[in-house]
Amino acid sequence: MEITYKAVGINETAEWGDYDHLMQKWEGLGKSMAKNLIREMRDNKDFQKYVFNPTHKLVFINYEGFKSFIEWKTRNRFK
């Protein structure tokens, strides 16, 4: 089963996507790295609200939440 987001309005943009769309937004991000980062987001109580898994194969990732997680991870890299 493949779910494709289609904007309803001209100015509407997607806020959620799967691994493939996340990798398109973040060039250079590979699928294995994306999965590792999403696993870390799921394990962190501050960021788990940005990842939905309605089934074991289907995942929805909030793009702004992912960006916030990357910024947080960068700030806390050496702590």
C-alpha atoms as a PDB file:
ATOM      1  CA  MET A   1       0.000   0.000   0.000  1.00  0.00           C
ATOM      2  CA  GLU A   2       1.379   3.403  -0.964  1.00  0.00           C
ATOM      3  CA  ILE A   3      -0.011   6.642   0.446  1.00  0.00           C
ATOM      4  CA  THR A   4       0.721   9.836  -1.456  1.00  0.00           C
ATOM      5  CA  TYR A   5       0.090  13.308  -0.081  1.00  0.00           C
ATOM      6  CA  LYS A   6      -1.596  15.666  -2.514  1.00  0.00           C
ATOM      7  CA  ALA A   7      -2.050  19.306  -1.629  1.00  0.00           C
ATOM      8  CA  VAL A   8      -5.645  20.494  -1.620  1.00  0.00           C
ATOM      9  CA  GLY A   9      -4.888  24.179  -2.060  1.00  0.00           C
ATOM     10  CA  ILE A  10      -2.233  25.978  -4.076  1.00  0.00           C
ATOM     11  CA  ASN A  11      -0.346  27.263  -1.024  1.00  0.00           C
ATOM     12  CA  GLU A  12      -0.719  24.111   1.034  1.00  0.00           C
ATOM     13  CA  THR A  13       2.441  22.136   1.790  1.00  0.00           C
ATOM     14  CA  ALA A  14       2.893  18.769   3.463  1.00  0.00           C
ATOM     15  CA  GLU A  15       3.791  18.798   7.160  1.00  0.00           C
ATOM     16  CA  TRP A  16       4.182  15.017   7.505  1.00  0.00           C
ATOM     17  CA  GLY A  17       5.845  12.379   5.346  1.00  0.00           C
ATOM     18  CA  ASP A  18       7.536   9.000   5.260  1.00  0.00           C
ATOM     19  CA  TYR A  19      11.242   8.138   5.079  1.00  0.00           C
ATOM     20  CA  ASP A  20      11.444   8.687   1.316  1.00  0.00           C
ATOM     21  CA  HIS A  21       9.935  12.173   1.474  1.00  0.00           C
ATOM     22  CA  LEU A  22      12.075  13.063   4.482  1.00  0.00           C
ATOM     23  CA  MET A  23      15.174  12.086   2.485  1.00  0.00           C
ATOM     24  CA  GLN A  24      14.003  14.296  -0.394  1.00  0.00           C
ATOM     25  CA  LYS A  25      13.687  17.283   1.952  1.00  0.00           C
ATOM     26  CA  TRP A  26      17.053  16.582   3.608  1.00  0.00           C
ATOM     27  CA  GLU A  27      19.467  15.864   0.739  1.00  0.00           C
ATOM     28  CA  GLY A  28      22.266  13.500   1.666  1.00  0.00           C
ATOM     29  CA  LEU A  29      20.250  11.755   4.367  1.00  0.00           C
ATOM     30  CA  GLY A  30      20.274   8.015   3.729  1.00  0.00           C
ATOM     31  CA  LYS A  31      17.489   5.644   4.688  1.00  0.00           C
ATOM     32  CA  SER A  32      19.477   3.842   7.396  1.00  0.00           C
ATOM     33  CA  MET A  33      20.505   7.145   9.007  1.00  0.00           C
ATOM     34  CA  ALA A  34      16.908   8.415   8.789  1.00  0.00           C
ATOM     35  CA  LYS A  35      15.649   5.252  10.508  1.00  0.00           C
ATOM     36  CA  ASN A  36      18.265   5.599  13.259  1.00  0.00           C
ATOM     37  CA  LEU A  37      17.334   9.238  13.873  1.00  0.00           C
ATOM     38  CA  ILE A  38      13.609   8.427  13.927  1.00  0.00           C
ATOM     39  CA  ARG A  39      14.293   5.620  16.419  1.00  0.00           C
ATOM     40  CA  GLU A  40      16.075   8.159  18.638  1.00  0.00           C
ATOM     41  CA  MET A  41      13.095  10.522  18.289  1.00  0.00           C
ATOM     42  CA  ARG A  42      10.710   7.728  19.370  1.00  0.00           C
ATOM     43  CA  ASP A  43      12.872   7.031  22.436  1.00  0.00           C
ATOM     44  CA  ASN A  44      12.972  10.704  23.482  1.00  0.00           C
ATOM     45  CA  LYS A  45       9.798  11.798  25.303  1.00  0.00           C
ATOM     46  CA  ASP A  46      10.164  15.370  23.999  1.00  0.00           C
ATOM     47  CA  PHE A  47      10.154  14.300  20.343  1.00  0.00           C
ATOM     48  CA  GLN A  48       8.072  11.108  20.196  1.00  0.00           C
ATOM     49  CA  LYS A  49       4.948  13.141  19.405  1.00  0.00           C
ATOM     50  CA  TYR A  50       6.450  13.924  15.980  1.00  0.00           C
ATOM     51  CA  VAL A  51       6.503  10.273  14.845  1.00  0.00           C
ATOM     52  CA  PHE A  52       3.346   8.219  14.206  1.00  0.00           C
ATOM     53  CA  ASN A  53       3.332   4.519  13.366  1.00  0.00           C
ATOM     54  CA  PRO A  54      -0.269   3.500  12.597  1.00  0.00           C
ATOM     55  CA  THR A  55       1.043   0.097  11.405  1.00  0.00           C
ATOM     56  CA  HIS A  56       4.397  -1.645  11.702  1.00  0.00           C
ATOM     57  CA  LYS A  57       5.295  -0.638   8.109  1.00  0.00           C
ATOM     58  CA  LEU A  58       3.702   2.806   7.868  1.00  0.00           C
ATOM     59  CA  VAL A  59       5.387   5.833   9.445  1.00  0.00           C
ATOM     60  CA  PHE A  60       4.530   9.542   9.449  1.00  0.00           C
ATOM     61  CA  ILE A  61       7.249  12.011  10.439  1.00  0.00           C
ATOM     62  CA  ASN A  62       6.585  15.679  11.152  1.00  0.00           C
ATOM     63  CA  TYR A  63       9.123  17.756   9.221  1.00  0.00           C
ATOM     64  CA  GLU A  64       9.289  20.609  11.754  1.00  0.00           C
ATOM     65  CA  GLY A  65       9.625  18.123  14.606  1.00  0.00           C
ATOM     66  CA  PHE A  66      12.477  16.409  12.766  1.00  0.00           C
ATOM     67  CA  LYS A  67      14.202  19.761  12.227  1.00  0.00           C
ATOM     68  CA  SER A  68      13.809  20.587  15.934  1.00  0.00           C
ATOM     69  CA  PHE A  69      15.254  17.186  16.847  1.00  0.00           C
ATOM     70  CA  ILE A  70      18.292  17.730  14.598  1.00  0.00           C
ATOM     71  CA  GLU A  71      18.851  21.185  16.126  1.00  0.00           C
ATOM     72  CA  TRP A  72      18.535  19.726  19.649  1.00  0.00           C
ATOM     73  CA  LYS A  73      20.885  16.866  18.772  1.00  0.00           C
ATOM     74  CA  THR A  74      23.445  19.339  17.378  1.00  0.00           C
ATOM     75  CA  ARG A  75      23.318  21.491  20.533  1.00  0.00           C
ATOM     76  CA  ASN A  76      23.699  18.455  22.821  1.00  0.00           C
ATOM     77  CA  ARG A  77      26.262  16.551  20.787  1.00  0.00           C
ATOM     78  CA  PHE A  78      29.174  16.880  23.228  1.00  0.00           C
ATOM     79  CA  LYS A  79      27.335  16.986  26.554  1.00  0.00           C
END
